[in-house]
């Protein structure tokens, strides 16, 4: 089931809380059936099972795609540009949008891979991005992402934060 939910996710990654909750509901339901974990809430079950939320997995896939674009493993169809910095390593440039664009165009733009990809890429530390092989980058990225609290929005629970890597800051990481 998870492969169906994640198919081509860098292109259709939902950003509305209700859409994220709907997708997380699939994994939430499955994990609630694991014997011995039924008494735990979804976030605790994810931690106990060492699983990422579906939202975090989708964002991880987007970052992996960005590495592949940077290293010319796949075509750069969005025209994403990168620049080297001494402090943060390779940064992806976020394309600009005309200030006269309509609100609906702005929303589509903000949710596009061409914007979300660079934003997510730029949240990753330079040491992680510096990996020379895809396999080493994947391992470094997984290890880094595992350090960050993963509390996706879940129907029936209210939270006043976003679980996106773009919106997280180290100041919010209570367990680091």
N, C-alpha and C. Protein backbone atom coordinates (compact mmCIF):
# COMPACT_ATOMS: atom_id res chain seq x y z
N UNK A 1 0.83 -1.19 0.00
CA UNK A 1 0.00 0.00 0.00
C UNK A 1 0.87 1.26 0.00
N UNK A 2 1.95 1.23 0.80
CA UNK A 2 2.77 2.43 0.91
C UNK A 2 3.39 2.81 -0.42
N UNK A 3 3.76 1.83 -1.24
CA UNK A 3 4.35 2.16 -2.54
C UNK A 3 3.34 2.90 -3.42
N UNK A 4 2.07 2.56 -3.31
CA UNK A 4 1.03 3.25 -4.07
C UNK A 4 0.87 4.68 -3.57
N UNK A 5 0.91 4.86 -2.26
CA UNK A 5 0.76 6.20 -1.67
C UNK A 5 1.93 7.11 -1.99
N UNK A 6 3.10 6.51 -2.26
CA UNK A 6 4.30 7.32 -2.47
C UNK A 6 4.72 7.41 -3.92
N UNK A 7 4.00 6.78 -4.82
CA UNK A 7 4.37 6.78 -6.23
C UNK A 7 4.40 8.20 -6.78
N UNK A 8 5.49 8.61 -7.35
CA UNK A 8 5.69 9.95 -7.95
C UNK A 8 5.44 11.08 -6.95
N UNK A 9 5.66 10.83 -5.67
CA UNK A 9 5.35 11.84 -4.66
C UNK A 9 6.13 13.15 -4.81
N UNK A 10 7.33 13.18 -5.40
CA UNK A 10 7.95 14.50 -5.57
C UNK A 10 7.11 15.44 -6.45
N UNK A 11 6.27 14.88 -7.29
CA UNK A 11 5.45 15.71 -8.17
C UNK A 11 4.12 16.12 -7.55
N UNK A 12 3.58 15.28 -6.68
CA UNK A 12 2.24 15.59 -6.16
C UNK A 12 2.21 15.78 -4.65
N UNK A 13 3.30 15.99 -4.02
CA UNK A 13 3.39 16.11 -2.56
C UNK A 13 2.34 17.07 -2.01
N UNK A 14 1.36 16.56 -1.24
CA UNK A 14 0.31 17.44 -0.73
C UNK A 14 0.82 18.39 0.35
N UNK A 15 0.22 19.55 0.42
CA UNK A 15 0.62 20.51 1.44
C UNK A 15 -0.54 20.91 2.36
N UNK A 16 -1.76 20.62 1.94
CA UNK A 16 -2.91 20.93 2.80
C UNK A 16 -2.95 19.94 3.95
N UNK A 17 -3.22 20.43 5.15
CA UNK A 17 -3.24 19.59 6.34
C UNK A 17 -4.25 18.46 6.18
N UNK A 18 -5.40 18.74 5.61
CA UNK A 18 -6.42 17.69 5.46
C UNK A 18 -5.95 16.57 4.54
N UNK A 19 -5.20 16.92 3.49
CA UNK A 19 -4.67 15.90 2.58
C UNK A 19 -3.59 15.07 3.27
N UNK A 20 -2.74 15.72 4.04
CA UNK A 20 -1.69 15.01 4.78
C UNK A 20 -2.32 14.08 5.80
N UNK A 21 -3.34 14.57 6.51
CA UNK A 21 -4.02 13.74 7.50
C UNK A 21 -4.66 12.51 6.86
N UNK A 22 -5.24 12.68 5.70
CA UNK A 22 -5.87 11.57 5.00
C UNK A 22 -4.84 10.49 4.66
N UNK A 23 -3.70 10.91 4.12
CA UNK A 23 -2.65 9.96 3.78
C UNK A 23 -2.04 9.31 5.03
N UNK A 24 -1.78 10.12 6.05
CA UNK A 24 -1.22 9.57 7.29
C UNK A 24 -2.19 8.59 7.93
N UNK A 25 -3.48 8.79 7.69
CA UNK A 25 -4.50 7.90 8.26
C UNK A 25 -4.31 6.45 7.84
N UNK A 26 -3.80 6.23 6.65
CA UNK A 26 -3.55 4.87 6.17
C UNK A 26 -2.50 4.19 7.05
N UNK A 27 -1.37 4.86 7.24
CA UNK A 27 -0.30 4.29 8.07
C UNK A 27 -0.71 4.25 9.53
N UNK A 28 -1.46 5.26 9.97
CA UNK A 28 -1.93 5.31 11.35
C UNK A 28 -2.80 4.11 11.66
N UNK A 29 -3.72 3.79 10.74
CA UNK A 29 -4.60 2.64 10.93
C UNK A 29 -3.80 1.34 10.98
N UNK A 30 -2.86 1.20 10.05
CA UNK A 30 -2.04 -0.02 10.03
C UNK A 30 -1.25 -0.18 11.33
N UNK A 31 -0.58 0.89 11.77
CA UNK A 31 0.26 0.77 12.97
C UNK A 31 -0.58 0.55 14.22
N UNK A 32 -1.84 0.96 14.21
CA UNK A 32 -2.70 0.76 15.38
C UNK A 32 -3.07 -0.71 15.56
N UNK A 33 -2.83 -1.51 14.54
CA UNK A 33 -3.15 -2.94 14.61
C UNK A 33 -1.97 -3.80 15.04
N UNK A 34 -0.83 -3.17 15.27
CA UNK A 34 0.35 -3.92 15.71
C UNK A 34 0.16 -4.28 17.19
N UNK A 35 0.21 -5.57 17.47
CA UNK A 35 0.02 -6.06 18.83
C UNK A 35 1.11 -5.48 19.73
N UNK A 36 0.70 -5.02 20.88
CA UNK A 36 1.63 -4.46 21.84
C UNK A 36 1.82 -2.96 21.72
N UNK A 37 1.29 -2.37 20.64
CA UNK A 37 1.44 -0.93 20.44
C UNK A 37 0.09 -0.20 20.40
N UNK A 38 -0.97 -0.91 20.60
CA UNK A 38 -2.32 -0.32 20.47
C UNK A 38 -2.57 0.80 21.46
N UNK A 39 -1.90 0.76 22.60
CA UNK A 39 -2.10 1.77 23.63
C UNK A 39 -1.35 3.08 23.33
N UNK A 40 -0.46 3.05 22.35
CA UNK A 40 0.34 4.23 22.01
C UNK A 40 -0.37 5.09 20.97
N UNK A 41 -0.12 6.40 20.98
CA UNK A 41 -0.67 7.25 19.92
C UNK A 41 0.19 7.07 18.66
N UNK A 42 -0.25 7.63 17.57
CA UNK A 42 0.41 7.44 16.28
C UNK A 42 1.88 7.86 16.31
N UNK A 43 2.15 9.01 16.90
CA UNK A 43 3.52 9.51 16.95
C UNK A 43 4.42 8.57 17.74
N UNK A 44 3.92 8.05 18.86
CA UNK A 44 4.69 7.11 19.67
C UNK A 44 4.91 5.78 18.92
N UNK A 45 3.88 5.35 18.18
CA UNK A 45 4.03 4.11 17.38
C UNK A 45 5.09 4.28 16.30
N UNK A 46 5.10 5.45 15.64
CA UNK A 46 6.14 5.70 14.64
C UNK A 46 7.52 5.58 15.26
N UNK A 47 7.71 6.19 16.40
CA UNK A 47 9.01 6.16 17.07
C UNK A 47 9.38 4.74 17.48
N UNK A 48 8.44 4.01 18.06
CA UNK A 48 8.69 2.65 18.52
C UNK A 48 9.04 1.72 17.36
N UNK A 49 8.35 1.89 16.23
CA UNK A 49 8.59 1.05 15.06
C UNK A 49 9.73 1.57 14.18
N UNK A 50 10.30 2.72 14.57
CA UNK A 50 11.37 3.36 13.79
C UNK A 50 10.93 3.63 12.35
N UNK A 51 9.73 4.16 12.23
CA UNK A 51 9.17 4.53 10.93
C UNK A 51 9.14 6.04 10.81
N UNK A 52 9.21 6.51 9.60
CA UNK A 52 8.98 7.93 9.32
C UNK A 52 7.51 8.10 8.96
N UNK A 53 6.98 9.27 9.24
CA UNK A 53 5.64 9.57 8.76
C UNK A 53 5.69 9.58 7.24
N UNK A 54 4.53 9.41 6.63
CA UNK A 54 4.47 9.45 5.16
C UNK A 54 4.87 10.83 4.65
N UNK A 55 4.52 11.87 5.39
CA UNK A 55 4.91 13.22 5.01
C UNK A 55 6.43 13.36 5.00
N UNK A 56 7.09 12.87 6.03
CA UNK A 56 8.55 12.96 6.11
C UNK A 56 9.20 12.12 5.01
N UNK A 57 8.63 10.95 4.72
CA UNK A 57 9.17 10.11 3.65
C UNK A 57 9.07 10.82 2.30
N UNK A 58 7.92 11.50 2.04
CA UNK A 58 7.76 12.21 0.77
C UNK A 58 8.80 13.33 0.66
N UNK A 59 9.01 14.05 1.75
CA UNK A 59 10.00 15.13 1.72
C UNK A 59 11.41 14.56 1.52
N UNK A 60 11.68 13.42 2.12
CA UNK A 60 12.98 12.76 1.93
C UNK A 60 13.16 12.39 0.46
N UNK A 61 12.13 11.87 -0.17
CA UNK A 61 12.21 11.53 -1.60
C UNK A 61 12.50 12.77 -2.45
N UNK A 62 11.88 13.88 -2.10
CA UNK A 62 12.12 15.12 -2.84
C UNK A 62 13.59 15.52 -2.72
N UNK A 63 14.14 15.42 -1.52
CA UNK A 63 15.55 15.77 -1.31
C UNK A 63 16.45 14.81 -2.09
N UNK A 64 16.10 13.55 -2.12
CA UNK A 64 16.87 12.58 -2.91
C UNK A 64 16.84 12.94 -4.40
N UNK A 65 15.69 13.39 -4.87
CA UNK A 65 15.57 13.82 -6.27
C UNK A 65 16.46 15.04 -6.52
N UNK A 66 16.52 15.94 -5.57
CA UNK A 66 17.37 17.12 -5.71
C UNK A 66 18.84 16.72 -5.83
N UNK A 67 19.29 15.73 -5.06
CA UNK A 67 20.67 15.25 -5.18
C UNK A 67 20.91 14.71 -6.58
N UNK A 68 19.94 13.96 -7.08
CA UNK A 68 20.07 13.37 -8.42
C UNK A 68 20.12 14.46 -9.49
N UNK A 69 19.35 15.52 -9.30
CA UNK A 69 19.38 16.63 -10.26
C UNK A 69 20.74 17.32 -10.20
N UNK A 70 21.22 17.61 -9.00
CA UNK A 70 22.52 18.27 -8.83
C UNK A 70 23.63 17.48 -9.50
N UNK A 71 23.60 16.17 -9.36
CA UNK A 71 24.67 15.32 -9.89
C UNK A 71 24.36 14.77 -11.28
N UNK A 72 23.34 15.36 -11.91
CA UNK A 72 22.98 15.04 -13.30
C UNK A 72 22.68 13.55 -13.53
N UNK A 73 22.12 12.91 -12.52
CA UNK A 73 21.69 11.51 -12.64
C UNK A 73 20.36 11.47 -13.38
N UNK A 74 19.55 12.51 -13.17
CA UNK A 74 18.27 12.65 -13.86
C UNK A 74 18.22 14.04 -14.49
N UNK A 75 17.35 14.22 -15.50
CA UNK A 75 17.26 15.54 -16.14
C UNK A 75 16.74 16.61 -15.18
N UNK A 76 17.21 17.82 -15.38
CA UNK A 76 16.78 18.97 -14.59
C UNK A 76 15.67 19.69 -15.36
N UNK A 77 14.51 19.07 -15.42
CA UNK A 77 13.39 19.60 -16.21
C UNK A 77 12.83 20.92 -15.67
N UNK A 78 13.06 21.19 -14.40
CA UNK A 78 12.55 22.42 -13.79
C UNK A 78 13.53 23.58 -13.89
N UNK A 79 14.72 23.30 -14.38
CA UNK A 79 15.73 24.36 -14.48
C UNK A 79 16.24 24.83 -13.13
N UNK A 80 16.30 23.94 -12.16
CA UNK A 80 16.78 24.31 -10.82
C UNK A 80 18.27 24.63 -10.90
N UNK A 81 18.64 25.74 -10.29
CA UNK A 81 20.04 26.17 -10.28
C UNK A 81 20.61 26.00 -8.88
N UNK A 82 21.90 25.73 -8.82
CA UNK A 82 22.60 25.53 -7.55
C UNK A 82 23.76 26.50 -7.46
N UNK A 83 24.14 26.85 -6.23
CA UNK A 83 25.33 27.66 -6.03
C UNK A 83 26.08 27.13 -4.82
N UNK A 84 27.39 27.26 -4.87
CA UNK A 84 28.25 26.80 -3.77
C UNK A 84 28.44 27.94 -2.77
N UNK A 85 28.36 27.59 -1.49
CA UNK A 85 28.67 28.55 -0.43
C UNK A 85 29.67 27.89 0.51
N UNK A 86 30.48 28.68 1.14
CA UNK A 86 31.50 28.11 2.02
C UNK A 86 30.88 27.61 3.33
N UNK A 87 29.81 28.22 3.76
CA UNK A 87 29.22 27.87 5.05
C UNK A 87 28.19 26.75 4.97
N UNK A 88 27.33 26.77 3.95
CA UNK A 88 26.22 25.82 3.88
C UNK A 88 26.37 24.80 2.76
N UNK A 89 27.48 24.81 2.09
CA UNK A 89 27.66 23.87 0.99
C UNK A 89 26.84 24.31 -0.22
N UNK A 90 26.35 23.36 -0.97
CA UNK A 90 25.58 23.65 -2.17
C UNK A 90 24.16 24.05 -1.81
N UNK A 91 23.74 25.21 -2.27
CA UNK A 91 22.37 25.68 -2.07
C UNK A 91 21.63 25.65 -3.40
N UNK A 92 20.33 25.39 -3.32
CA UNK A 92 19.49 25.43 -4.51
C UNK A 92 18.79 26.79 -4.52
N UNK A 93 18.74 27.40 -5.68
CA UNK A 93 18.10 28.70 -5.81
C UNK A 93 16.61 28.52 -6.06
N UNK A 94 15.82 29.27 -5.33
CA UNK A 94 14.37 29.20 -5.48
C UNK A 94 13.98 30.18 -6.58
N UNK A 95 13.31 29.67 -7.63
CA UNK A 95 12.96 30.55 -8.75
C UNK A 95 11.97 31.63 -8.31
N UNK A 96 12.08 32.78 -8.95
CA UNK A 96 11.17 33.88 -8.59
C UNK A 96 9.88 33.78 -9.40
N UNK A 97 8.86 34.39 -8.86
CA UNK A 97 7.55 34.45 -9.51
C UNK A 97 7.17 35.91 -9.65
N UNK A 98 6.54 36.23 -10.73
CA UNK A 98 6.12 37.62 -10.97
C UNK A 98 5.23 38.11 -9.82
N UNK A 99 5.50 39.32 -9.36
CA UNK A 99 4.72 39.90 -8.27
C UNK A 99 3.27 40.15 -8.67
N UNK A 100 3.00 40.19 -9.96
CA UNK A 100 1.63 40.43 -10.42
C UNK A 100 0.83 39.14 -10.58
N UNK A 101 1.39 38.01 -10.18
CA UNK A 101 0.69 36.73 -10.30
C UNK A 101 -0.51 36.68 -9.37
N UNK A 102 -1.52 35.96 -9.80
CA UNK A 102 -2.73 35.83 -8.98
C UNK A 102 -2.43 34.95 -7.76
N UNK A 103 -3.32 35.01 -6.78
CA UNK A 103 -3.16 34.22 -5.56
C UNK A 103 -3.16 32.73 -5.88
N UNK A 104 -4.01 32.30 -6.80
CA UNK A 104 -4.05 30.88 -7.14
C UNK A 104 -2.75 30.44 -7.81
N UNK A 105 -2.18 31.31 -8.66
CA UNK A 105 -0.89 30.98 -9.27
C UNK A 105 0.21 30.95 -8.22
N UNK A 106 0.15 31.85 -7.26
CA UNK A 106 1.14 31.87 -6.17
C UNK A 106 1.07 30.57 -5.38
N UNK A 107 -0.14 30.09 -5.10
CA UNK A 107 -0.32 28.84 -4.36
C UNK A 107 0.24 27.66 -5.13
N UNK A 108 -0.06 27.59 -6.42
CA UNK A 108 0.47 26.51 -7.26
C UNK A 108 1.99 26.57 -7.31
N UNK A 109 2.51 27.77 -7.43
CA UNK A 109 3.96 27.98 -7.47
C UNK A 109 4.60 27.48 -6.18
N UNK A 110 4.04 27.90 -5.03
CA UNK A 110 4.60 27.54 -3.72
C UNK A 110 4.61 26.04 -3.50
N UNK A 111 3.65 25.32 -4.07
CA UNK A 111 3.54 23.87 -3.87
C UNK A 111 4.31 23.06 -4.91
N UNK A 112 4.86 23.72 -5.91
CA UNK A 112 5.52 23.00 -7.00
C UNK A 112 6.85 22.40 -6.56
N UNK A 113 7.29 21.39 -7.29
CA UNK A 113 8.59 20.76 -7.02
C UNK A 113 9.71 21.78 -7.19
N UNK A 114 9.58 22.68 -8.16
CA UNK A 114 10.62 23.68 -8.44
C UNK A 114 10.86 24.60 -7.25
N UNK A 115 9.87 24.74 -6.36
CA UNK A 115 10.02 25.57 -5.16
C UNK A 115 10.27 24.71 -3.94
N UNK A 116 9.46 23.67 -3.75
CA UNK A 116 9.60 22.81 -2.58
C UNK A 116 10.94 22.07 -2.57
N UNK A 117 11.38 21.61 -3.74
CA UNK A 117 12.67 20.91 -3.82
C UNK A 117 13.82 21.75 -3.29
N UNK A 118 14.01 22.97 -3.83
CA UNK A 118 15.09 23.82 -3.31
C UNK A 118 14.92 24.18 -1.82
N UNK A 119 13.69 24.44 -1.40
CA UNK A 119 13.48 24.78 0.02
C UNK A 119 13.91 23.62 0.92
N UNK A 120 13.49 22.41 0.56
CA UNK A 120 13.86 21.24 1.35
C UNK A 120 15.37 20.98 1.28
N UNK A 121 15.94 21.09 0.08
CA UNK A 121 17.39 20.89 -0.09
C UNK A 121 18.17 21.84 0.81
N UNK A 122 17.74 23.07 0.89
CA UNK A 122 18.46 24.09 1.65
C UNK A 122 18.36 23.90 3.16
N UNK A 123 17.46 23.02 3.64
CA UNK A 123 17.37 22.74 5.08
C UNK A 123 18.40 21.72 5.53
N UNK A 124 19.01 21.03 4.58
CA UNK A 124 19.94 19.95 4.90
C UNK A 124 21.33 20.52 5.15
N UNK A 125 22.01 20.08 6.22
CA UNK A 125 23.36 20.59 6.50
C UNK A 125 24.34 20.28 5.37
N UNK A 126 25.31 21.15 5.20
CA UNK A 126 26.30 20.99 4.15
C UNK A 126 27.04 19.66 4.21
N UNK A 127 27.30 19.17 5.43
CA UNK A 127 28.03 17.90 5.58
C UNK A 127 27.23 16.74 5.00
N UNK A 128 25.92 16.80 5.11
CA UNK A 128 25.06 15.74 4.55
C UNK A 128 25.05 15.86 3.03
N UNK A 129 24.92 17.09 2.53
CA UNK A 129 24.86 17.32 1.08
C UNK A 129 26.17 17.00 0.38
N UNK A 130 27.28 16.98 1.11
CA UNK A 130 28.60 16.79 0.51
C UNK A 130 28.90 15.34 0.12
N UNK A 131 28.01 14.43 0.43
CA UNK A 131 28.25 13.01 0.09
C UNK A 131 28.50 12.87 -1.41
N UNK A 132 29.47 12.06 -1.75
CA UNK A 132 29.87 11.93 -3.16
C UNK A 132 29.09 10.87 -3.92
N UNK A 133 28.55 9.88 -3.20
CA UNK A 133 27.76 8.85 -3.89
C UNK A 133 26.32 8.94 -3.41
N UNK A 134 25.43 8.46 -4.26
CA UNK A 134 24.01 8.50 -3.91
C UNK A 134 23.75 7.65 -2.66
N UNK A 135 24.35 6.48 -2.59
CA UNK A 135 24.13 5.61 -1.43
C UNK A 135 24.59 6.26 -0.13
N UNK A 136 25.75 6.91 -0.16
CA UNK A 136 26.22 7.57 1.06
C UNK A 136 25.34 8.78 1.40
N UNK A 137 24.87 9.50 0.37
CA UNK A 137 23.96 10.62 0.63
C UNK A 137 22.66 10.12 1.26
N UNK A 138 22.13 9.04 0.73
CA UNK A 138 20.89 8.47 1.23
C UNK A 138 21.03 8.07 2.71
N UNK A 139 22.13 7.44 3.05
CA UNK A 139 22.38 7.03 4.44
C UNK A 139 22.52 8.27 5.33
N UNK A 140 23.34 9.24 4.90
CA UNK A 140 23.52 10.48 5.68
C UNK A 140 22.21 11.21 5.87
N UNK A 141 21.41 11.29 4.81
CA UNK A 141 20.13 11.98 4.89
C UNK A 141 19.19 11.26 5.85
N UNK A 142 19.12 9.95 5.75
CA UNK A 142 18.25 9.17 6.65
C UNK A 142 18.67 9.35 8.10
N UNK A 143 19.98 9.32 8.36
CA UNK A 143 20.48 9.50 9.72
C UNK A 143 20.15 10.90 10.23
N UNK A 144 20.30 11.90 9.39
CA UNK A 144 20.00 13.28 9.77
C UNK A 144 18.50 13.45 10.05
N UNK A 145 17.68 12.96 9.15
CA UNK A 145 16.22 13.12 9.29
C UNK A 145 15.71 12.36 10.52
N UNK A 146 16.36 11.25 10.87
CA UNK A 146 15.95 10.49 12.05
C UNK A 146 16.14 11.27 13.35
N UNK A 147 17.01 12.28 13.34
CA UNK A 147 17.25 13.10 14.52
C UNK A 147 16.13 14.11 14.77
N UNK A 148 15.34 14.40 13.74
CA UNK A 148 14.35 15.47 13.81
C UNK A 148 13.00 14.90 14.23
N UNK A 149 12.38 15.49 15.26
CA UNK A 149 11.07 14.99 15.68
C UNK A 149 10.10 14.93 14.50
N UNK A 150 9.36 13.84 14.45
CA UNK A 150 8.43 13.59 13.33
C UNK A 150 7.03 13.45 13.89
N UNK A 151 6.30 14.55 13.92
CA UNK A 151 4.94 14.56 14.46
C UNK A 151 3.97 15.10 13.42
N UNK A 152 3.56 14.26 12.48
CA UNK A 152 2.69 14.73 11.40
C UNK A 152 1.30 15.09 11.90
N UNK A 153 0.60 15.93 11.16
CA UNK A 153 -0.78 16.24 11.56
C UNK A 153 -1.64 14.99 11.42
N UNK A 154 -2.45 14.75 12.46
CA UNK A 154 -3.29 13.56 12.49
C UNK A 154 -4.71 13.99 12.81
N UNK A 155 -5.67 13.44 12.08
CA UNK A 155 -7.08 13.75 12.32
C UNK A 155 -7.43 13.40 13.77
N UNK A 156 -8.12 14.31 14.43
CA UNK A 156 -8.53 14.07 15.81
C UNK A 156 -7.58 14.63 16.84
N UNK A 157 -6.39 15.00 16.42
CA UNK A 157 -5.40 15.61 17.31
C UNK A 157 -5.12 17.00 16.79
N UNK A 158 -5.06 17.97 17.68
CA UNK A 158 -4.73 19.30 17.18
C UNK A 158 -3.27 19.59 17.49
N UNK A 159 -2.64 20.23 16.54
CA UNK A 159 -1.26 20.65 16.75
C UNK A 159 -1.11 22.03 16.12
N UNK A 160 -0.25 22.83 16.72
CA UNK A 160 -0.08 24.19 16.23
C UNK A 160 1.25 24.37 15.53
N UNK A 161 1.78 23.29 14.95
CA UNK A 161 3.04 23.38 14.22
C UNK A 161 2.94 22.60 12.93
N UNK A 162 3.89 22.85 12.09
CA UNK A 162 4.01 22.11 10.84
C UNK A 162 5.07 21.04 11.03
N UNK A 163 4.89 19.92 10.38
CA UNK A 163 5.87 18.84 10.46
C UNK A 163 6.86 18.88 9.30
N UNK A 164 6.69 19.84 8.41
CA UNK A 164 7.57 19.91 7.24
C UNK A 164 8.98 20.30 7.67
N UNK A 165 9.96 19.69 7.02
CA UNK A 165 11.36 20.04 7.29
C UNK A 165 11.63 21.51 6.99
N UNK A 166 10.89 22.07 6.06
CA UNK A 166 11.06 23.48 5.69
C UNK A 166 10.72 24.39 6.87
N UNK A 167 9.74 24.00 7.67
CA UNK A 167 9.28 24.85 8.76
C UNK A 167 9.94 24.56 10.10
N UNK A 168 10.74 23.51 10.15
CA UNK A 168 11.37 23.14 11.42
C UNK A 168 12.65 23.91 11.62
N UNK A 169 12.92 24.20 12.87
CA UNK A 169 14.20 24.84 13.21
C UNK A 169 14.79 24.06 14.37
N UNK A 170 16.12 24.02 14.48
CA UNK A 170 16.75 23.28 15.58
C UNK A 170 16.27 23.72 16.95
N UNK A 171 15.82 24.95 17.11
CA UNK A 171 15.34 25.43 18.41
C UNK A 171 14.13 24.64 18.88
N UNK A 172 13.36 24.05 17.93
CA UNK A 172 12.18 23.28 18.30
C UNK A 172 12.48 21.83 18.63
N UNK A 173 13.70 21.37 18.40
CA UNK A 173 14.02 19.96 18.60
C UNK A 173 14.26 19.72 20.09
N UNK A 174 13.29 19.20 20.75
CA UNK A 174 13.39 18.99 22.20
C UNK A 174 14.30 17.84 22.56
N UNK A 175 14.52 16.90 21.65
CA UNK A 175 15.29 15.72 22.02
C UNK A 175 16.70 15.70 21.44
N UNK A 176 17.20 16.83 21.02
CA UNK A 176 18.59 16.87 20.52
C UNK A 176 19.48 17.48 21.57
